[in-house]
Amino acid sequence: MLLDAAHMIPDADQNDGDAVICNGIPLSKIHHAAFDAHLIGIDADFGLHVSKRILEQKDGPILEAIKSLNGQRLRLPDRRCDWPDRERLELRFQRFVEVA
């Protein structure tokens, strides 16, 4: 109940929005909301990025925890077939860069 399946490409996208494991990342509800709002991004090399909008703010421990993700790497499942698709990540990361 505390994890969500965050889609990199929305289901509505007929090209890449398939409801498949490689189009999703398990995230906590707060991280999922931040991901969907483009406050955090994940590049094709599984690097985590936090929006400058967030990095410049000061507002308590939850925000500090999100800010601490900047420069970290996504923890990947042991089975490579369960890893997020790099091409979908890159498409999503491009959007993060545009908005961030």
PDB file of N, CA and C in Angstrom:
ATOM      1  N   MET A   1       0.805  -1.201   0.000  1.00  0.00           N
ATOM      2  CA  MET A   1       0.000   0.000   0.000  1.00  0.00           C
ATOM      3  C   MET A   1       0.849   1.266   0.000  1.00  0.00           C
ATOM      4  N   LEU A   2       2.120   1.148   0.403  1.00  0.00           N
ATOM      5  CA  LEU A   2       2.955   2.342   0.458  1.00  0.00           C
ATOM      6  C   LEU A   2       3.752   2.559  -0.819  1.00  0.00           C
ATOM      7  N   LEU A   3       3.731   1.584  -1.735  1.00  0.00           N
ATOM      8  CA  LEU A   3       4.421   1.734  -3.009  1.00  0.00           C
ATOM      9  C   LEU A   3       3.419   1.901  -4.132  1.00  0.00           C
ATOM     10  N   ASP A   4       3.775   2.761  -5.068  1.00  0.00           N
ATOM     11  CA  ASP A   4       2.990   2.961  -6.281  1.00  0.00           C
ATOM     12  C   ASP A   4       3.821   2.522  -7.472  1.00  0.00           C
ATOM     13  N   ALA A   5       3.141   2.172  -8.550  1.00  0.00           N
ATOM     14  CA  ALA A   5       3.814   1.918  -9.820  1.00  0.00           C
ATOM     15  C   ALA A   5       3.798   3.227 -10.594  1.00  0.00           C
ATOM     16  N   ALA A   6       4.926   3.911 -10.618  1.00  0.00           N
ATOM     17  CA  ALA A   6       5.038   5.176 -11.344  1.00  0.00           C
ATOM     18  C   ALA A   6       5.378   4.878 -12.798  1.00  0.00           C
ATOM     19  N   HIS A   7       4.543   5.354 -13.707  1.00  0.00           N
ATOM     20  CA  HIS A   7       4.802   5.152 -15.133  1.00  0.00           C
ATOM     21  C   HIS A   7       5.767   6.209 -15.642  1.00  0.00           C
ATOM     22  N   MET A   8       6.715   5.786 -16.433  1.00  0.00           N
ATOM     23  CA  MET A   8       7.612   6.745 -17.074  1.00  0.00           C
ATOM     24  C   MET A   8       6.873   7.423 -18.223  1.00  0.00           C
ATOM     25  N   ILE A   9       6.206   6.619 -19.037  1.00  0.00           N
ATOM     26  CA  ILE A   9       5.379   7.124 -20.132  1.00  0.00           C
ATOM     27  C   ILE A   9       3.936   6.775 -19.784  1.00  0.00           C
ATOM     28  N   PRO A  10       3.041   7.766 -19.756  1.00  0.00           N
ATOM     29  CA  PRO A  10       1.642   7.508 -19.364  1.00  0.00           C
ATOM     30  C   PRO A  10       0.965   6.458 -20.240  1.00  0.00           C
ATOM     31  N   ASP A  11       0.026   5.730 -19.649  1.00  0.00           N
ATOM     32  CA  ASP A  11      -0.730   4.705 -20.378  1.00  0.00           C
ATOM     33  C   ASP A  11      -1.396   5.259 -21.629  1.00  0.00           C
ATOM     34  N   ALA A  12      -1.797   6.512 -21.588  1.00  0.00           N
ATOM     35  CA  ALA A  12      -2.511   7.122 -22.707  1.00  0.00           C
ATOM     36  C   ALA A  12      -1.633   7.258 -23.957  1.00  0.00           C
ATOM     37  N   ASP A  13      -0.318   7.236 -23.803  1.00  0.00           N
ATOM     38  CA  ASP A  13       0.590   7.338 -24.941  1.00  0.00           C
ATOM     39  C   ASP A  13       0.570   6.010 -25.687  1.00  0.00           C
ATOM     40  N   GLN A  14       0.057   6.015 -26.912  1.00  0.00           N
ATOM     41  CA  GLN A  14      -0.126   4.776 -27.662  1.00  0.00           C
ATOM     42  C   GLN A  14       1.184   4.186 -28.170  1.00  0.00           C
ATOM     43  N   ASN A  15       2.256   4.971 -28.194  1.00  0.00           N
ATOM     44  CA  ASN A  15       3.530   4.457 -28.694  1.00  0.00           C
ATOM     45  C   ASN A  15       4.335   3.742 -27.621  1.00  0.00           C
ATOM     46  N   ASP A  16       4.513   4.388 -26.471  1.00  0.00           N
ATOM     47  CA  ASP A  16       5.411   3.848 -25.448  1.00  0.00           C
ATOM     48  C   ASP A  16       4.753   3.672 -24.087  1.00  0.00           C
ATOM     49  N   GLY A  17       3.450   3.899 -23.983  1.00  0.00           N
ATOM     50  CA  GLY A  17       2.792   3.895 -22.695  1.00  0.00           C
ATOM     51  C   GLY A  17       2.224   2.568 -22.250  1.00  0.00           C
ATOM     52  N   ASP A  18       2.820   1.502 -22.715  1.00  0.00           N
ATOM     53  CA  ASP A  18       2.336   0.166 -22.359  1.00  0.00           C
ATOM     54  C   ASP A  18       2.387  -0.066 -20.851  1.00  0.00           C
ATOM     55  N   ALA A  19       1.436  -0.818 -20.357  1.00  0.00           N
ATOM     56  CA  ALA A  19       1.414  -1.197 -18.935  1.00  0.00           C
ATOM     57  C   ALA A  19       2.281  -2.442 -18.752  1.00  0.00           C
ATOM     58  N   VAL A  20       3.604  -2.233 -18.841  1.00  0.00           N
ATOM     59  CA  VAL A  20       4.571  -3.314 -18.704  1.00  0.00           C
ATOM     60  C   VAL A  20       5.574  -2.933 -17.622  1.00  0.00           C
ATOM     61  N   ILE A  21       6.236  -3.922 -17.059  1.00  0.00           N
ATOM     62  CA  ILE A  21       7.180  -3.686 -15.964  1.00  0.00           C
ATOM     63  C   ILE A  21       8.239  -2.662 -16.347  1.00  0.00           C
ATOM     64  N   CYS A  22       8.770  -2.746 -17.552  1.00  0.00           N
ATOM     65  CA  CYS A  22       9.874  -1.851 -17.935  1.00  0.00           C
ATOM     66  C   CYS A  22       9.420  -0.407 -18.137  1.00  0.00           C
ATOM     67  N   ASN A  23       8.110  -0.137 -18.058  1.00  0.00           N
ATOM     68  CA  ASN A  23       7.595   1.233 -18.146  1.00  0.00           C
ATOM     69  C   ASN A  23       7.223   1.760 -16.760  1.00  0.00           C
ATOM     70  N   GLY A  24       7.623   1.064 -15.735  1.00  0.00           N
ATOM     71  CA  GLY A  24       7.261   1.492 -14.390  1.00  0.00           C
ATOM     72  C   GLY A  24       8.426   1.438 -13.430  1.00  0.00           C
ATOM     73  N   ILE A  25       8.274   2.221 -12.373  1.00  0.00           N
ATOM     74  CA  ILE A  25       9.256   2.244 -11.295  1.00  0.00           C
ATOM     75  C   ILE A  25       8.475   2.226  -9.990  1.00  0.00           C
ATOM     76  N   PRO A  26       8.788   1.315  -9.080  1.00  0.00           N
ATOM     77  CA  PRO A  26       8.096   1.337  -7.788  1.00  0.00           C
ATOM     78  C   PRO A  26       8.636   2.490  -6.935  1.00  0.00           C
ATOM     79  N   LEU A  27       7.751   3.379  -6.551  1.00  0.00           N
ATOM     80  CA  LEU A  27       8.121   4.541  -5.739  1.00  0.00           C
ATOM     81  C   LEU A  27       7.148   4.695  -4.588  1.00  0.00           C
ATOM     82  N   SER A  28       7.612   5.279  -3.508  1.00  0.00           N
ATOM     83  CA  SER A  28       6.688   5.621  -2.428  1.00  0.00           C
ATOM     84  C   SER A  28       5.704   6.663  -2.955  1.00  0.00           C
ATOM     85  N   LYS A  29       4.623   6.843  -2.259  1.00  0.00           N
ATOM     86  CA  LYS A  29       3.614   7.794  -2.711  1.00  0.00           C
ATOM     87  C   LYS A  29       4.171   9.207  -2.841  1.00  0.00           C
ATOM     88  N   ILE A  30       5.004   9.632  -1.897  1.00  0.00           N
ATOM     89  CA  ILE A  30       5.559  10.989  -1.970  1.00  0.00           C
ATOM     90  C   ILE A  30       6.549  11.120  -3.123  1.00  0.00           C
ATOM     91  N   HIS A  31       7.372  10.089  -3.344  1.00  0.00           N
ATOM     92  CA  HIS A  31       8.314  10.140  -4.461  1.00  0.00           C
ATOM     93  C   HIS A  31       7.594  10.043  -5.795  1.00  0.00           C
ATOM     94  N   HIS A  32       6.521   9.278  -5.844  1.00  0.00           N
ATOM     95  CA  HIS A  32       5.718   9.182  -7.058  1.00  0.00           C
ATOM     96  C   HIS A  32       5.123  10.549  -7.398  1.00  0.00           C
ATOM     97  N   ALA A  33       4.589  11.230  -6.397  1.00  0.00           N
ATOM     98  CA  ALA A  33       4.015  12.566  -6.631  1.00  0.00           C
ATOM     99  C   ALA A  33       5.092  13.534  -7.115  1.00  0.00           C
ATOM    100  N   ALA A  34       6.288  13.472  -6.530  1.00  0.00           N
ATOM    101  CA  ALA A  34       7.386  14.343  -6.941  1.00  0.00           C
ATOM    102  C   ALA A  34       7.838  14.001  -8.363  1.00  0.00           C
ATOM    103  N   PHE A  35       7.860  12.731  -8.701  1.00  0.00           N
ATOM    104  CA  PHE A  35       8.239  12.284 -10.048  1.00  0.00           C
ATOM    105  C   PHE A  35       7.223  12.792 -11.066  1.00  0.00           C
ATOM    106  N   ASP A  36       5.934  12.628 -10.771  1.00  0.00           N
ATOM    107  CA  ASP A  36       4.887  13.077 -11.690  1.00  0.00           C
ATOM    108  C   ASP A  36       4.871  14.593 -11.850  1.00  0.00           C
ATOM    109  N   ALA A  37       5.282  15.311 -10.820  1.00  0.00           N
ATOM    110  CA  ALA A  37       5.317  16.781 -10.876  1.00  0.00           C
ATOM    111  C   ALA A  37       6.645  17.292 -11.444  1.00  0.00           C
ATOM    112  N   HIS A  38       7.502  16.384 -11.881  1.00  0.00           N
ATOM    113  CA  HIS A  38       8.821  16.717 -12.428  1.00  0.00           C
ATOM    114  C   HIS A  38       9.683  17.467 -11.415  1.00  0.00           C
ATOM    115  N   LEU A  39       9.528  17.107 -10.161  1.00  0.00           N
ATOM    116  CA  LEU A  39      10.385  17.658  -9.112  1.00  0.00           C
ATOM    117  C   LEU A  39      11.610  16.781  -8.913  1.00  0.00           C
ATOM    118  N   ILE A  40      11.475  15.501  -9.275  1.00  0.00           N
ATOM    119  CA  ILE A  40      12.626  14.603  -9.348  1.00  0.00           C
ATOM    120  C   ILE A  40      12.608  13.938 -10.721  1.00  0.00           C
ATOM    121  N   GLY A  41      13.786  13.667 -11.230  1.00  0.00           N
ATOM    122  CA  GLY A  41      13.919  13.016 -12.526  1.00  0.00           C
ATOM    123  C   GLY A  41      14.952  11.911 -12.445  1.00  0.00           C
ATOM    124  N   ILE A  42      14.851  10.969 -13.378  1.00  0.00           N
ATOM    125  CA  ILE A  42      15.786   9.846 -13.447  1.00  0.00           C
ATOM    126  C   ILE A  42      16.306   9.782 -14.871  1.00  0.00           C
ATOM    127  N   ASP A  43      17.626   9.873 -15.021  1.00  0.00           N
ATOM    128  CA  ASP A  43      18.193   9.840 -16.366  1.00  0.00           C
ATOM    129  C   ASP A  43      18.363   8.396 -16.847  1.00  0.00           C
ATOM    130  N   ALA A  44      18.780   8.237 -18.103  1.00  0.00           N
ATOM    131  CA  ALA A  44      18.887   6.910 -18.714  1.00  0.00           C
ATOM    132  C   ALA A  44      19.987   6.059 -18.095  1.00  0.00           C
ATOM    133  N   ASP A  45      20.869   6.666 -17.310  1.00  0.00           N
ATOM    134  CA  ASP A  45      21.894   5.909 -16.592  1.00  0.00           C
ATOM    135  C   ASP A  45      21.488   5.662 -15.139  1.00  0.00           C
ATOM    136  N   PHE A  46      20.204   5.882 -14.843  1.00  0.00           N
ATOM    137  CA  PHE A  46      19.597   5.640 -13.533  1.00  0.00           C
ATOM    138  C   PHE A  46      20.068   6.622 -12.467  1.00  0.00           C
ATOM    139  N   GLY A  47      20.550   7.780 -12.906  1.00  0.00           N
ATOM    140  CA  GLY A  47      20.929   8.833 -11.974  1.00  0.00           C
ATOM    141  C   GLY A  47      19.717   9.643 -11.543  1.00  0.00           C
ATOM    142  N   LEU A  48      19.679  10.021 -10.275  1.00  0.00           N
ATOM    143  CA  LEU A  48      18.569  10.798  -9.726  1.00  0.00           C
ATOM    144  C   LEU A  48      18.916  12.287  -9.734  1.00  0.00           C
ATOM    145  N   HIS A  49      17.940  13.087 -10.111  1.00  0.00           N
ATOM    146  CA  HIS A  49      18.107  14.535 -10.190  1.00  0.00           C
ATOM    147  C   HIS A  49      16.933  15.200  -9.483  1.00  0.00           C
ATOM    148  N   VAL A  50      17.219  16.259  -8.785  1.00  0.00           N
ATOM    149  CA  VAL A  50      16.178  17.025  -8.093  1.00  0.00           C
ATOM    150  C   VAL A  50      16.117  18.401  -8.740  1.00  0.00           C
ATOM    151  N   SER A  51      14.912  18.853  -8.989  1.00  0.00           N
ATOM    152  CA  SER A  51      14.690  20.146  -9.626  1.00  0.00           C
ATOM    153  C   SER A  51      15.314  21.280  -8.814  1.00  0.00           C
ATOM    154  N   LYS A  52      15.855  22.261  -9.514  1.00  0.00           N
ATOM    155  CA  LYS A  52      16.411  23.444  -8.845  1.00  0.00           C
ATOM    156  C   LYS A  52      15.358  24.139  -7.999  1.00  0.00           C
ATOM    157  N   ARG A  53      14.099  24.042  -8.426  1.00  0.00           N
ATOM    158  CA  ARG A  53      12.998  24.648  -7.654  1.00  0.00           C
ATOM    159  C   ARG A  53      12.962  24.083  -6.240  1.00  0.00           C
ATOM    160  N   ILE A  54      13.278  22.814  -6.099  1.00  0.00           N
ATOM    161  CA  ILE A  54      13.272  22.158  -4.795  1.00  0.00           C
ATOM    162  C   ILE A  54      14.588  22.394  -4.062  1.00  0.00           C
ATOM    163  N   LEU A  55      15.695  22.286  -4.794  1.00  0.00           N
ATOM    164  CA  LEU A  55      17.014  22.427  -4.162  1.00  0.00           C
ATOM    165  C   LEU A  55      17.185  23.792  -3.487  1.00  0.00           C
ATOM    166  N   GLU A  56      16.531  24.805  -4.004  1.00  0.00           N
ATOM    167  CA  GLU A  56      16.676  26.160  -3.467  1.00  0.00           C
ATOM    168  C   GLU A  56      15.765  26.442  -2.281  1.00  0.00           C
ATOM    169  N   GLN A  57      14.840  25.528  -1.975  1.00  0.00           N
ATOM    170  CA  GLN A  57      13.891  25.751  -0.891  1.00  0.00           C
ATOM    171  C   GLN A  57      14.396  25.152   0.420  1.00  0.00           C
ATOM    172  N   LYS A  58      13.903  25.714   1.507  1.00  0.00           N
ATOM    173  CA  LYS A  58      14.170  25.170   2.846  1.00  0.00           C
ATOM    174  C   LYS A  58      12.816  24.996   3.526  1.00  0.00           C
ATOM    175  N   ASP A  59      12.503  23.725   3.873  1.00  0.00           N
ATOM    176  CA  ASP A  59      11.184  23.485   4.450  1.00  0.00           C
ATOM    177  C   ASP A  59      11.083  22.117   5.102  1.00  0.00           C
ATOM    178  N   GLY A  60      11.882  21.837   6.067  1.00  0.00           N
ATOM    179  CA  GLY A  60      11.682  20.654   6.888  1.00  0.00           C
ATOM    180  C   GLY A  60      12.297  19.371   6.378  1.00  0.00           C
ATOM    181  N   PRO A  61      12.138  18.310   7.173  1.00  0.00           N
ATOM    182  CA  PRO A  61      12.847  17.047   6.931  1.00  0.00           C
ATOM    183  C   PRO A  61      12.406  16.288   5.679  1.00  0.00           C
ATOM    184  N   ILE A  62      11.144  16.354   5.305  1.00  0.00           N
ATOM    185  CA  ILE A  62      10.713  15.617   4.108  1.00  0.00           C
ATOM    186  C   ILE A  62      11.341  16.229   2.866  1.00  0.00           C
ATOM    187  N   LEU A  63      11.339  17.546   2.794  1.00  0.00           N
ATOM    188  CA  LEU A  63      11.969  18.206   1.658  1.00  0.00           C
ATOM    189  C   LEU A  63      13.469  17.931   1.638  1.00  0.00           C
ATOM    190  N   GLU A  64      14.094  17.940   2.804  1.00  0.00           N
ATOM    191  CA  GLU A  64      15.532  17.647   2.872  1.00  0.00           C
ATOM    192  C   GLU A  64      15.813  16.216   2.412  1.00  0.00           C
ATOM    193  N   ALA A  65      14.929  15.289   2.728  1.00  0.00           N
ATOM    194  CA  ALA A  65      15.107  13.899   2.278  1.00  0.00           C
ATOM    195  C   ALA A  65      15.021  13.814   0.758  1.00  0.00           C
ATOM    196  N   ILE A  66      14.099  14.540   0.159  1.00  0.00           N
ATOM    197  CA  ILE A  66      13.986  14.551  -1.300  1.00  0.00           C
ATOM    198  C   ILE A  66      15.224  15.200  -1.910  1.00  0.00           C
ATOM    199  N   LYS A  67      15.668  16.304  -1.337  1.00  0.00           N
ATOM    200  CA  LYS A  67      16.853  16.987  -1.847  1.00  0.00           C
ATOM    201  C   LYS A  67      18.085  16.086  -1.786  1.00  0.00           C
ATOM    202  N   SER A  68      18.160  15.221  -0.789  1.00  0.00           N
ATOM    203  CA  SER A  68      19.323  14.343  -0.638  1.00  0.00           C
ATOM    204  C   SER A  68      19.418  13.296  -1.747  1.00  0.00           C
ATOM    205  N   LEU A  69      18.367  13.123  -2.521  1.00  0.00           N
ATOM    206  CA  LEU A  69      18.394  12.177  -3.637  1.00  0.00           C
ATOM    207  C   LEU A  69      19.262  12.674  -4.785  1.00  0.00           C
ATOM    208  N   ASN A  70      19.446  13.989  -4.869  1.00  0.00           N
ATOM    209  CA  ASN A  70      20.190  14.570  -5.985  1.00  0.00           C
ATOM    210  C   ASN A  70      21.596  13.973  -6.061  1.00  0.00           C
ATOM    211  N   GLY A  71      21.915  13.422  -7.222  1.00  0.00           N
ATOM    212  CA  GLY A  71      23.236  12.821  -7.426  1.00  0.00           C
ATOM    213  C   GLY A  71      23.321  11.351  -7.053  1.00  0.00           C
ATOM    214  N   GLN A  72      22.262  10.799  -6.476  1.00  0.00           N
ATOM    215  CA  GLN A  72      22.247   9.370  -6.134  1.00  0.00           C
ATOM    216  C   GLN A  72      21.869   8.562  -7.374  1.00  0.00           C
ATOM    217  N   ARG A  73      21.863   7.256  -7.235  1.00  0.00           N
ATOM    218  CA  ARG A  73      21.449   6.372  -8.321  1.00  0.00           C
ATOM    219  C   ARG A  73      20.261   5.523  -7.882  1.00  0.00           C
ATOM    220  N   LEU A  74      19.413   5.210  -8.823  1.00  0.00           N
ATOM    221  CA  LEU A  74      18.267   4.353  -8.587  1.00  0.00           C
ATOM    222  C   LEU A  74      18.746   2.960  -8.208  1.00  0.00           C
ATOM    223  N   ARG A  75      18.146   2.356  -7.198  1.00  0.00           N
ATOM    224  CA  ARG A  75      18.451   0.961  -6.867  1.00  0.00           C
ATOM    225  C   ARG A  75      17.672   0.069  -7.821  1.00  0.00           C
ATOM    226  N   LEU A  76      18.382  -0.790  -8.485  1.00  0.00           N
ATOM    227  CA  LEU A  76      17.773  -1.629  -9.515  1.00  0.00           C
ATOM    228  C   LEU A  76      17.515  -3.037  -9.005  1.00  0.00           C
ATOM    229  N   PRO A  77      16.469  -3.675  -9.532  1.00  0.00           N
ATOM    230  CA  PRO A  77      16.207  -5.068  -9.172  1.00  0.00           C
ATOM    231  C   PRO A  77      17.365  -5.967  -9.619  1.00  0.00           C
ATOM    232  N   ASP A  78      17.487  -7.109  -8.986  1.00  0.00           N
ATOM    233  CA  ASP A  78      18.540  -8.055  -9.344  1.00  0.00           C
ATOM    234  C   ASP A  78      18.389  -8.549 -10.782  1.00  0.00           C
ATOM    235  N   ARG A  79      17.159  -8.820 -11.180  1.00  0.00           N
ATOM    236  CA  ARG A  79      16.920  -9.333 -12.532  1.00  0.00           C
ATOM    237  C   ARG A  79      16.872  -8.178 -13.535  1.00  0.00           C
ATOM    238  N   ARG A  80      17.756  -8.212 -14.497  1.00  0.00           N
ATOM    239  CA  ARG A  80      17.839  -7.145 -15.496  1.00  0.00           C
ATOM    240  C   ARG A  80      16.516  -6.972 -16.253  1.00  0.00           C
ATOM    241  N   CYS A  81      15.770  -8.044 -16.425  1.00  0.00           N
ATOM    242  CA  CYS A  81      14.492  -7.950 -17.149  1.00  0.00           C
ATOM    243  C   CYS A  81      13.479  -7.092 -16.389  1.00  0.00           C
ATOM    244  N   ASP A  82      13.730  -6.819 -15.121  1.00  0.00           N
ATOM    245  CA  ASP A  82      12.835  -5.976 -14.321  1.00  0.00           C
ATOM    246  C   ASP A  82      13.296  -4.518 -14.251  1.00  0.00           C
ATOM    247  N   TRP A  83      14.395  -4.182 -14.894  1.00  0.00           N
ATOM    248  CA  TRP A  83      14.905  -2.819 -14.883  1.00  0.00           C
ATOM    249  C   TRP A  83      14.013  -1.910 -15.723  1.00  0.00           C
ATOM    250  N   PRO A  84      13.951  -0.636 -15.370  1.00  0.00           N
ATOM    251  CA  PRO A  84      13.219   0.329 -16.207  1.00  0.00           C
ATOM    252  C   PRO A  84      13.882   0.453 -17.578  1.00  0.00           C
ATOM    253  N   ASP A  85      13.085   0.639 -18.595  1.00  0.00           N
ATOM    254  CA  ASP A  85      13.565   0.799 -19.957  1.00  0.00           C
ATOM    255  C   ASP A  85      14.302   2.138 -20.103  1.00  0.00           C
ATOM    256  N   ARG A  86      15.538   2.081 -20.563  1.00  0.00           N
ATOM    257  CA  ARG A  86      16.373   3.291 -20.663  1.00  0.00           C
ATOM    258  C   ARG A  86      15.813   4.305 -21.659  1.00  0.00           C
ATOM    259  N   GLU A  87      15.237   3.836 -22.755  1.00  0.00           N
ATOM    260  CA  GLU A  87      14.683   4.766 -23.743  1.00  0.00           C
ATOM    261  C   GLU A  87      13.494   5.524 -23.164  1.00  0.00           C
ATOM    262  N   ARG A  88      12.645   4.829 -22.438  1.00  0.00           N
ATOM    263  CA  ARG A  88      11.506   5.503 -21.797  1.00  0.00           C
ATOM    264  C   ARG A  88      11.994   6.476 -20.724  1.00  0.00           C
ATOM    265  N   LEU A  89      13.020   6.053 -19.967  1.00  0.00           N
ATOM    266  CA  LEU A  89      13.586   6.958 -18.969  1.00  0.00           C
ATOM    267  C   LEU A  89      14.115   8.226 -19.626  1.00  0.00           C
ATOM    268  N   GLU A  90      14.794   8.074 -20.746  1.00  0.00           N
ATOM    269  CA  GLU A  90      15.354   9.238 -21.441  1.00  0.00           C
ATOM    270  C   GLU A  90      14.247  10.177 -21.910  1.00  0.00           C
ATOM    271  N   LEU A  91      13.169   9.629 -22.458  1.00  0.00           N
ATOM    272  CA  LEU A  91      12.035  10.463 -22.868  1.00  0.00           C
ATOM    273  C   LEU A  91      11.466  11.221 -21.678  1.00  0.00           C
ATOM    274  N   ARG A  92      11.293  10.531 -20.581  1.00  0.00           N
ATOM    275  CA  ARG A  92      10.747  11.163 -19.374  1.00  0.00           C
ATOM    276  C   ARG A  92      11.719  12.193 -18.814  1.00  0.00           C
ATOM    277  N   PHE A  93      13.021  11.890 -18.839  1.00  0.00           N
ATOM    278  CA  PHE A  93      14.019  12.809 -18.314  1.00  0.00           C
ATOM    279  C   PHE A  93      14.091  14.091 -19.151  1.00  0.00           C
ATOM    280  N   GLN A  94      13.923  13.969 -20.450  1.00  0.00           N
ATOM    281  CA  GLN A  94      13.887  15.159 -21.306  1.00  0.00           C
ATOM    282  C   GLN A  94      12.783  16.102 -20.855  1.00  0.00           C
ATOM    283  N   ARG A  95      11.640  15.546 -20.506  1.00  0.00           N
ATOM    284  CA  ARG A  95      10.522  16.366 -20.012  1.00  0.00           C
ATOM    285  C   ARG A  95      10.894  17.024 -18.681  1.00  0.00           C
ATOM    286  N   PHE A  96      11.541  16.263 -17.797  1.00  0.00           N
ATOM    287  CA  PHE A  96      11.999  16.813 -16.506  1.00  0.00           C
ATOM    288  C   PHE A  96      12.913  18.010 -16.748  1.00  0.00           C
ATOM    289  N   VAL A  97      13.862  17.871 -17.657  1.00  0.00           N
ATOM    290  CA  VAL A  97      14.811  18.953 -17.946  1.00  0.00           C
ATOM    291  C   VAL A  97      14.076  20.186 -18.468  1.00  0.00           C
ATOM    292  N   GLU A  98      13.094  19.982 -19.334  1.00  0.00           N
ATOM    293  CA  GLU A  98      12.321  21.102 -19.874  1.00  0.00           C
ATOM    294  C   GLU A  98      11.578  21.845 -18.782  1.00  0.00           C
ATOM    295  N   VAL A  99      11.006  21.118 -17.857  1.00  0.00           N
ATOM    296  CA  VAL A  99      10.168  21.715 -16.809  1.00  0.00           C
ATOM    297  C   VAL A  99      11.011  22.233 -15.644  1.00  0.00           C
ATOM    298  N   ALA A 100      12.070  21.504 -15.308  1.00  0.00           N
ATOM    299  CA  ALA A 100      12.886  21.852 -14.156  1.00  0.00           C
ATOM    300  C   ALA A 100      13.554  23.180 -14.387  1.00  0.00           C
TER     301      ALA A 100
END
